[in-house]
Amino acid sequence: MSVIIVFAGCNFFDDSITVMTLCEGHEKIKRGLIVSLVMNTVAYIPVVTGFYGTYRNHILKLQQFIITMMAYFFGKIVLSKFLVLFELSKVELIISYQLCIITSGLCFVFAIPLTVKLLEKENEPESEIQV
């Protein structure tokens, strides 16, 4: 759960850097930055469901969280390559993207064993009590 909180913080940091970059008026990458803002905003929903799924040991919520974090992870990689393609020299933006990539990767990597453990526990046959 602590990784989810760190991810949310990095996501907020990335939002603020992206908005500042948009305000500076970099015309070449405005669409990419807007896509990034939408991804960051939409990512808060799985953060809440992942936090809830972890707290309540809810398998479906954890699976949704894993899939969304994987999509977010690969989407941010594509967007960071987009930034490098246009040679944007905003170090803060690149660092915030890398932080989001790392923390989203950690989120789904740590959520997978928990989900597998819960699936094993759910599929485990109940022992019969003999008197």
Protein backbone atom coordinates (compact mmCIF):
# COMPACT_ATOMS: atom_id res chain seq x y z
CA MET A 1 0.00 0.00 0.00
CA SER A 2 2.92 2.32 0.60
CA VAL A 3 4.02 1.95 -3.03
CA ILE A 4 0.55 3.03 -4.14
CA ILE A 5 0.84 6.16 -2.00
CA VAL A 6 4.30 6.92 -3.43
CA PHE A 7 2.90 6.42 -6.94
CA ALA A 8 0.08 8.88 -6.24
CA GLY A 9 2.64 11.43 -5.03
CA CYS A 10 4.82 10.97 -8.13
CA ASN A 11 1.73 11.22 -10.29
CA PHE A 12 0.79 14.52 -8.65
CA PHE A 13 4.37 15.78 -9.14
CA ASP A 14 4.18 14.79 -12.81
CA ASP A 15 0.86 16.62 -13.17
CA SER A 16 2.33 19.84 -11.82
CA ILE A 17 5.44 19.65 -14.03
CA THR A 18 3.29 18.87 -17.09
CA VAL A 19 0.99 21.84 -16.44
CA MET A 20 4.00 24.15 -16.03
CA THR A 21 5.44 22.86 -19.31
CA LEU A 22 2.09 23.39 -21.06
CA CYS A 23 1.97 26.96 -19.74
CA GLU A 24 5.40 27.66 -21.20
CA GLY A 25 3.90 26.98 -24.62
CA HIS A 26 5.90 24.16 -26.17
CA GLU A 27 3.85 23.82 -29.35
CA LYS A 28 5.44 20.61 -30.63
CA ILE A 29 4.44 18.45 -27.72
CA LYS A 30 1.14 19.92 -26.51
CA ARG A 31 -0.85 16.85 -27.57
CA GLY A 32 1.55 14.53 -25.79
CA LEU A 33 1.36 16.58 -22.63
CA ILE A 34 -2.42 16.66 -22.73
CA VAL A 35 -2.48 12.86 -23.18
CA SER A 36 -0.14 12.64 -20.19
CA LEU A 37 -2.45 14.78 -18.06
CA VAL A 38 -5.45 12.64 -19.02
CA MET A 39 -3.51 9.46 -18.22
CA ASN A 40 -2.46 10.86 -14.85
CA THR A 41 -6.00 11.93 -14.01
CA VAL A 42 -7.47 8.59 -15.03
CA ALA A 43 -4.74 6.78 -13.06
CA TYR A 44 -6.14 8.09 -9.79
CA ILE A 45 -9.18 5.80 -10.14
CA PRO A 46 -7.13 2.56 -10.15
CA VAL A 47 -5.01 3.96 -7.32
CA VAL A 48 -8.15 4.11 -5.18
CA THR A 49 -9.38 0.68 -6.32
CA GLY A 50 -5.93 -0.84 -5.82
CA PHE A 51 -5.73 0.62 -2.35
CA TYR A 52 -9.21 -0.71 -1.58
CA GLY A 53 -8.42 -4.11 -3.12
CA THR A 54 -5.24 -4.40 -1.09
CA TYR A 55 -6.94 -3.39 2.14
CA ARG A 56 -9.96 -5.67 1.67
CA ASN A 57 -8.12 -8.49 -0.16
CA HIS A 58 -10.51 -8.14 -3.11
CA ILE A 59 -9.13 -10.13 -6.06
CA LEU A 60 -11.11 -8.47 -8.87
CA LYS A 61 -10.09 -4.97 -7.75
CA LEU A 62 -6.45 -6.05 -7.57
CA GLN A 63 -6.61 -7.57 -11.06
CA GLN A 64 -8.11 -4.36 -12.44
CA PHE A 65 -5.39 -2.40 -10.65
CA ILE A 66 -2.64 -4.58 -12.15
CA ILE A 67 -3.99 -4.28 -15.70
CA THR A 68 -4.42 -0.52 -15.42
CA MET A 69 -0.95 -0.03 -13.93
CA MET A 70 0.59 -2.10 -16.74
CA ALA A 71 -1.23 0.00 -19.37
CA TYR A 72 -0.14 3.18 -17.58
CA PHE A 73 3.44 1.88 -17.38
CA PHE A 74 3.67 1.20 -21.11
CA GLY A 75 1.81 4.41 -21.99
CA LYS A 76 4.28 6.50 -20.01
CA ILE A 77 7.18 4.73 -21.72
CA VAL A 78 5.73 5.65 -25.11
CA LEU A 79 5.17 9.25 -24.00
CA SER A 80 8.72 9.54 -22.65
CA LYS A 81 10.04 8.34 -26.03
CA PHE A 82 7.79 10.97 -27.63
CA LEU A 83 9.47 13.66 -25.51
CA VAL A 84 12.94 12.45 -26.47
CA LEU A 85 11.90 12.41 -30.13
CA PHE A 86 11.12 16.14 -29.99
CA GLU A 87 14.26 16.77 -27.94
CA LEU A 88 12.51 18.61 -25.16
CA SER A 89 15.17 19.75 -22.71
CA LYS A 90 12.91 19.87 -19.66
CA VAL A 91 14.86 17.73 -17.21
CA GLU A 92 12.12 18.00 -14.57
CA LEU A 93 9.52 16.56 -16.94
CA ILE A 94 11.75 13.67 -17.96
CA ILE A 95 12.54 12.90 -14.31
CA SER A 96 8.86 13.01 -13.36
CA TYR A 97 8.06 10.60 -16.21
CA GLN A 98 10.79 8.24 -15.06
CA LEU A 99 9.50 8.37 -11.48
CA CYS A 100 5.98 7.55 -12.69
CA ILE A 101 7.30 4.67 -14.79
CA ILE A 102 9.29 3.22 -11.90
CA THR A 103 6.53 3.56 -9.30
CA SER A 104 3.79 2.22 -11.59
CA GLY A 105 6.04 -0.74 -12.40
CA LEU A 106 6.60 -1.35 -8.70
CA CYS A 107 2.85 -1.13 -8.08
CA PHE A 108 1.96 -3.92 -10.44
CA VAL A 109 5.02 -6.00 -9.56
CA PHE A 110 4.10 -5.92 -5.86
CA ALA A 111 0.39 -6.46 -6.53
CA ILE A 112 0.91 -9.64 -8.58
CA PRO A 113 2.17 -11.86 -5.69
CA LEU A 114 -0.63 -10.61 -3.44
CA THR A 115 -3.21 -11.48 -6.10
CA VAL A 116 -1.69 -14.94 -6.65
CA LYS A 117 -1.69 -15.57 -2.91
CA LEU A 118 -5.36 -14.55 -2.64
CA LEU A 119 -6.28 -16.74 -5.62
CA GLU A 120 -4.55 -19.72 -4.00
CA LYS A 121 -6.32 -19.05 -0.73
CA GLU A 122 -9.68 -18.78 -2.50
CA ASN A 123 -9.20 -22.02 -4.48
CA GLU A 124 -7.97 -23.95 -1.46
CA PRO A 125 -10.51 -26.60 -0.38
CA GLU A 126 -11.91 -26.13 3.09
CA SER A 127 -10.82 -28.74 5.58
CA GLU A 128 -13.52 -30.82 7.17
CA ILE A 129 -13.80 -30.81 10.91
CA GLN A 130 -14.12 -34.31 12.36
CA VAL A 131 -15.53 -34.91 15.79
